[in-house]
């Protein structure tokens, strides 16, 4: 729907963020231009938008990045963050659980890229809780896209 004209008298409208549903009142006196000569508008990464959507569906703040981070090495350079997320959600099993409700919940996947934009062959995967992170460690040695993954706790 079209937005009401802000007009000369500072009329405004309620604006709502499409990602986090936060809303605010926007009026002419609160508008400002972004200087395009010194600032670049860069669209958010698809993986970040997906993480935010997963967080919001769990009533978790959009900025939450997970609690248990794992290093994943020996990745095929063509592996995407979505493929790696699916790999862990499919293959990581919580100890003692065998039903489908015990699926591991991956919060974020960050594949490290080189200056040329190509994967450097490793990534960091974070989980919503420590139990899921421990289950993710069990994926060490499993095959993903033809490569045997090295999964361990990060050095930092």
C-alpha atoms as a PDB file:
ATOM      1  CA  UNK A   1       0.000   0.000   0.000  1.00  0.00           C
ATOM      2  CA  UNK A   2       1.215   3.525  -0.717  1.00  0.00           C
ATOM      3  CA  UNK A   3       2.636   5.499   2.210  1.00  0.00           C
ATOM      4  CA  UNK A   4       0.905   8.745   3.212  1.00  0.00           C
ATOM      5  CA  UNK A   5       2.658  11.913   2.075  1.00  0.00           C
ATOM      6  CA  UNK A   6       4.930  13.317   4.762  1.00  0.00           C
ATOM      7  CA  UNK A   7       3.974  16.811   3.634  1.00  0.00           C
ATOM      8  CA  UNK A   8       5.346  20.181   4.757  1.00  0.00           C
ATOM      9  CA  UNK A   9       3.866  19.963   8.250  1.00  0.00           C
ATOM     10  CA  UNK A  10       5.801  16.875   9.255  1.00  0.00           C
ATOM     11  CA  UNK A  11       3.028  14.360   8.740  1.00  0.00           C
ATOM     12  CA  UNK A  12       4.403  10.896   8.962  1.00  0.00           C
ATOM     13  CA  UNK A  13       3.576   7.249   9.033  1.00  0.00           C
ATOM     14  CA  UNK A  14       4.319   4.089  10.980  1.00  0.00           C
ATOM     15  CA  UNK A  15       7.176   2.118   9.407  1.00  0.00           C
ATOM     16  CA  UNK A  16       7.722  -1.593  10.117  1.00  0.00           C
ATOM     17  CA  UNK A  17      10.926  -3.597   9.647  1.00  0.00           C
ATOM     18  CA  UNK A  18      10.315  -6.612   7.403  1.00  0.00           C
ATOM     19  CA  UNK A  19      12.938  -8.683   9.273  1.00  0.00           C
ATOM     20  CA  UNK A  20      12.318  -8.121  12.988  1.00  0.00           C
ATOM     21  CA  UNK A  21       8.815  -6.547  12.940  1.00  0.00           C
ATOM     22  CA  UNK A  22      10.064  -3.565  14.959  1.00  0.00           C
ATOM     23  CA  UNK A  23       8.052  -0.451  14.098  1.00  0.00           C
ATOM     24  CA  UNK A  24       8.540   3.282  14.572  1.00  0.00           C
ATOM     25  CA  UNK A  25       6.933   6.546  13.566  1.00  0.00           C
ATOM     26  CA  UNK A  26       8.729   8.196  10.649  1.00  0.00           C
ATOM     27  CA  UNK A  27       8.226  11.898   9.978  1.00  0.00           C
ATOM     28  CA  UNK A  28       9.865  14.428   7.642  1.00  0.00           C
ATOM     29  CA  UNK A  29      11.954  16.020  10.408  1.00  0.00           C
ATOM     30  CA  UNK A  30      13.389  12.592  11.285  1.00  0.00           C
ATOM     31  CA  UNK A  31      14.379  11.670   7.718  1.00  0.00           C
ATOM     32  CA  UNK A  32      17.978  11.967   6.618  1.00  0.00           C
ATOM     33  CA  UNK A  33      19.868  11.102   3.482  1.00  0.00           C
ATOM     34  CA  UNK A  34      22.562   8.453   3.486  1.00  0.00           C
ATOM     35  CA  UNK A  35      25.651   9.982   1.841  1.00  0.00           C
ATOM     36  CA  UNK A  36      26.192   7.689  -1.140  1.00  0.00           C
ATOM     37  CA  UNK A  37      29.702   9.012  -1.818  1.00  0.00           C
ATOM     38  CA  UNK A  38      30.982   7.670   1.524  1.00  0.00           C
ATOM     39  CA  UNK A  39      28.526   4.832   2.280  1.00  0.00           C
ATOM     40  CA  UNK A  40      27.651   1.726   0.302  1.00  0.00           C
ATOM     41  CA  UNK A  41      24.301   0.015   0.749  1.00  0.00           C
ATOM     42  CA  UNK A  42      25.080  -3.697   0.904  1.00  0.00           C
ATOM     43  CA  UNK A  43      22.238  -6.221   1.017  1.00  0.00           C
ATOM     44  CA  UNK A  44      22.252  -8.626   3.954  1.00  0.00           C
ATOM     45  CA  UNK A  45      23.606 -12.113   3.318  1.00  0.00           C
ATOM     46  CA  UNK A  46      20.974 -14.782   2.740  1.00  0.00           C
ATOM     47  CA  UNK A  47      22.460 -16.853   5.584  1.00  0.00           C
ATOM     48  CA  UNK A  48      22.121 -13.895   7.986  1.00  0.00           C
ATOM     49  CA  UNK A  49      18.493 -13.377   6.982  1.00  0.00           C
ATOM     50  CA  UNK A  50      17.818 -17.088   7.474  1.00  0.00           C
ATOM     51  CA  UNK A  51      19.464 -17.032  10.926  1.00  0.00           C
ATOM     52  CA  UNK A  52      17.379 -14.008  11.927  1.00  0.00           C
ATOM     53  CA  UNK A  53      14.197 -15.754  10.742  1.00  0.00           C
ATOM     54  CA  UNK A  54      15.108 -18.922  12.702  1.00  0.00           C
ATOM     55  CA  UNK A  55      15.814 -16.819  15.803  1.00  0.00           C
ATOM     56  CA  UNK A  56      12.526 -14.940  15.543  1.00  0.00           C
ATOM     57  CA  UNK A  57      10.597 -18.199  15.094  1.00  0.00           C
ATOM     58  CA  UNK A  58      12.092 -19.325  18.448  1.00  0.00           C
ATOM     59  CA  UNK A  59      11.392 -15.974  20.192  1.00  0.00           C
ATOM     60  CA  UNK A  60      15.142 -15.281  20.386  1.00  0.00           C
ATOM     61  CA  UNK A  61      16.620 -11.819  19.652  1.00  0.00           C
ATOM     62  CA  UNK A  62      17.597 -11.405  15.963  1.00  0.00           C
ATOM     63  CA  UNK A  63      21.243 -10.704  16.871  1.00  0.00           C
ATOM     64  CA  UNK A  64      21.715 -14.051  18.710  1.00  0.00           C
ATOM     65  CA  UNK A  65      24.618 -15.991  17.139  1.00  0.00           C
ATOM     66  CA  UNK A  66      24.507 -19.258  19.119  1.00  0.00           C
ATOM     67  CA  UNK A  67      26.222 -20.573  22.224  1.00  0.00           C
ATOM     68  CA  UNK A  68      28.313 -23.537  21.156  1.00  0.00           C
ATOM     69  CA  UNK A  69      30.615 -22.898  18.176  1.00  0.00           C
ATOM     70  CA  UNK A  70      32.450 -25.678  16.337  1.00  0.00           C
ATOM     71  CA  UNK A  71      35.247 -25.555  13.777  1.00  0.00           C
ATOM     72  CA  UNK A  72      34.520 -27.578  10.627  1.00  0.00           C
ATOM     73  CA  UNK A  73      37.529 -28.243   8.412  1.00  0.00           C
ATOM     74  CA  UNK A  74      38.300 -30.072   5.162  1.00  0.00           C
ATOM     75  CA  UNK A  75      35.226 -28.612   3.417  1.00  0.00           C
ATOM     76  CA  UNK A  76      34.819 -28.932  -0.314  1.00  0.00           C
ATOM     77  CA  UNK A  77      35.139 -25.361  -1.657  1.00  0.00           C
ATOM     78  CA  UNK A  78      31.716 -25.650  -3.338  1.00  0.00           C
ATOM     79  CA  UNK A  79      29.879 -26.431  -0.079  1.00  0.00           C
ATOM     80  CA  UNK A  80      27.318 -23.753   0.771  1.00  0.00           C
ATOM     81  CA  UNK A  81      26.227 -22.660   4.226  1.00  0.00           C
ATOM     82  CA  UNK A  82      22.749 -24.122   3.571  1.00  0.00           C
ATOM     83  CA  UNK A  83      24.275 -27.505   2.688  1.00  0.00           C
ATOM     84  CA  UNK A  84      26.399 -27.472   5.836  1.00  0.00           C
ATOM     85  CA  UNK A  85      23.407 -26.497   8.000  1.00  0.00           C
ATOM     86  CA  UNK A  86      21.364 -29.354   6.481  1.00  0.00           C
ATOM     87  CA  UNK A  87      24.299 -31.742   6.979  1.00  0.00           C
ATOM     88  CA  UNK A  88      24.459 -31.054  10.731  1.00  0.00           C
ATOM     89  CA  UNK A  89      20.695 -31.054  11.231  1.00  0.00           C
ATOM     90  CA  UNK A  90      20.476 -34.401   9.414  1.00  0.00           C
ATOM     91  CA  UNK A  91      23.554 -36.208  10.760  1.00  0.00           C
ATOM     92  CA  UNK A  92      24.108 -34.898  14.283  1.00  0.00           C
ATOM     93  CA  UNK A  93      22.174 -36.978  16.811  1.00  0.00           C
ATOM     94  CA  UNK A  94      21.690 -36.188  20.484  1.00  0.00           C
ATOM     95  CA  UNK A  95      22.949 -38.957  22.770  1.00  0.00           C
ATOM     96  CA  UNK A  96      20.281 -41.393  23.865  1.00  0.00           C
ATOM     97  CA  UNK A  97      17.610 -39.954  21.555  1.00  0.00           C
ATOM     98  CA  UNK A  98      16.410 -41.757  18.469  1.00  0.00           C
ATOM     99  CA  UNK A  99      13.176 -39.963  17.539  1.00  0.00           C
ATOM    100  CA  UNK A 100      12.795 -37.147  15.001  1.00  0.00           C
ATOM    101  CA  UNK A 101      11.973 -34.572  17.702  1.00  0.00           C
ATOM    102  CA  UNK A 102      15.583 -34.763  18.895  1.00  0.00           C
ATOM    103  CA  UNK A 103      16.910 -33.003  15.789  1.00  0.00           C
ATOM    104  CA  UNK A 104      19.905 -30.795  16.417  1.00  0.00           C
ATOM    105  CA  UNK A 105      19.156 -27.067  16.004  1.00  0.00           C
ATOM    106  CA  UNK A 106      21.884 -25.166  14.126  1.00  0.00           C
ATOM    107  CA  UNK A 107      21.878 -21.414  14.781  1.00  0.00           C
ATOM    108  CA  UNK A 108      24.501 -20.116  12.359  1.00  0.00           C
ATOM    109  CA  UNK A 109      26.923 -21.351   9.699  1.00  0.00           C
ATOM    110  CA  UNK A 110      29.802 -19.122   8.667  1.00  0.00           C
ATOM    111  CA  UNK A 111      32.007 -20.376   5.823  1.00  0.00           C
ATOM    112  CA  UNK A 112      35.305 -18.499   5.773  1.00  0.00           C
ATOM    113  CA  UNK A 113      36.023 -16.942   2.375  1.00  0.00           C
ATOM    114  CA  UNK A 114      39.310 -15.804   0.892  1.00  0.00           C
ATOM    115  CA  UNK A 115      39.906 -12.419  -0.765  1.00  0.00           C
ATOM    116  CA  UNK A 116      38.932 -13.949  -4.120  1.00  0.00           C
ATOM    117  CA  UNK A 117      35.461 -14.809  -2.736  1.00  0.00           C
ATOM    118  CA  UNK A 118      36.102 -18.542  -2.745  1.00  0.00           C
ATOM    119  CA  UNK A 119      35.797 -20.781   0.315  1.00  0.00           C
ATOM    120  CA  UNK A 120      39.014 -21.366   2.247  1.00  0.00           C
ATOM    121  CA  UNK A 121      37.828 -24.882   3.110  1.00  0.00           C
ATOM    122  CA  UNK A 122      36.668 -24.362   6.681  1.00  0.00           C
ATOM    123  CA  UNK A 123      33.700 -22.957   8.545  1.00  0.00           C
ATOM    124  CA  UNK A 124      32.278 -22.277  11.988  1.00  0.00           C
ATOM    125  CA  UNK A 125      28.925 -23.732  12.983  1.00  0.00           C
ATOM    126  CA  UNK A 126      27.095 -22.549  16.097  1.00  0.00           C
ATOM    127  CA  UNK A 127      24.165 -24.191  17.836  1.00  0.00           C
ATOM    128  CA  UNK A 128      21.283 -22.980  19.987  1.00  0.00           C
ATOM    129  CA  UNK A 129      22.462 -24.897  23.064  1.00  0.00           C
ATOM    130  CA  UNK A 130      25.405 -26.904  24.354  1.00  0.00           C
ATOM    131  CA  UNK A 131      23.672 -30.277  24.015  1.00  0.00           C
ATOM    132  CA  UNK A 132      23.262 -29.686  20.272  1.00  0.00           C
ATOM    133  CA  UNK A 133      26.896 -28.565  20.027  1.00  0.00           C
ATOM    134  CA  UNK A 134      28.098 -31.774  21.681  1.00  0.00           C
ATOM    135  CA  UNK A 135      25.957 -33.750  19.222  1.00  0.00           C
ATOM    136  CA  UNK A 136      27.601 -31.809  16.378  1.00  0.00           C
ATOM    137  CA  UNK A 137      31.033 -33.031  17.507  1.00  0.00           C
ATOM    138  CA  UNK A 138      29.904 -36.560  16.627  1.00  0.00           C
ATOM    139  CA  UNK A 139      29.924 -35.546  12.944  1.00  0.00           C
ATOM    140  CA  UNK A 140      33.734 -35.620  12.972  1.00  0.00           C
ATOM    141  CA  UNK A 141      34.863 -37.964  10.183  1.00  0.00           C
ATOM    142  CA  UNK A 142      31.523 -38.036   8.370  1.00  0.00           C
ATOM    143  CA  UNK A 143      31.445 -37.321   4.641  1.00  0.00           C
ATOM    144  CA  UNK A 144      29.953 -34.133   3.186  1.00  0.00           C
ATOM    145  CA  UNK A 145      30.190 -33.463  -0.571  1.00  0.00           C
ATOM    146  CA  UNK A 146      32.848 -36.147  -0.978  1.00  0.00           C
ATOM    147  CA  UNK A 147      35.128 -34.882   1.825  1.00  0.00           C
ATOM    148  CA  UNK A 148      35.618 -36.313   5.303  1.00  0.00           C
ATOM    149  CA  UNK A 149      34.940 -33.421   7.691  1.00  0.00           C
ATOM    150  CA  UNK A 150      37.141 -32.493  10.625  1.00  0.00           C
ATOM    151  CA  UNK A 151      34.819 -31.242  13.376  1.00  0.00           C
ATOM    152  CA  UNK A 152      36.250 -29.951  16.667  1.00  0.00           C
ATOM    153  CA  UNK A 153      35.999 -27.137  19.161  1.00  0.00           C
ATOM    154  CA  UNK A 154      37.675 -23.969  17.857  1.00  0.00           C
ATOM    155  CA  UNK A 155      41.074 -22.787  19.116  1.00  0.00           C
ATOM    156  CA  UNK A 156      39.760 -19.404  20.244  1.00  0.00           C
END
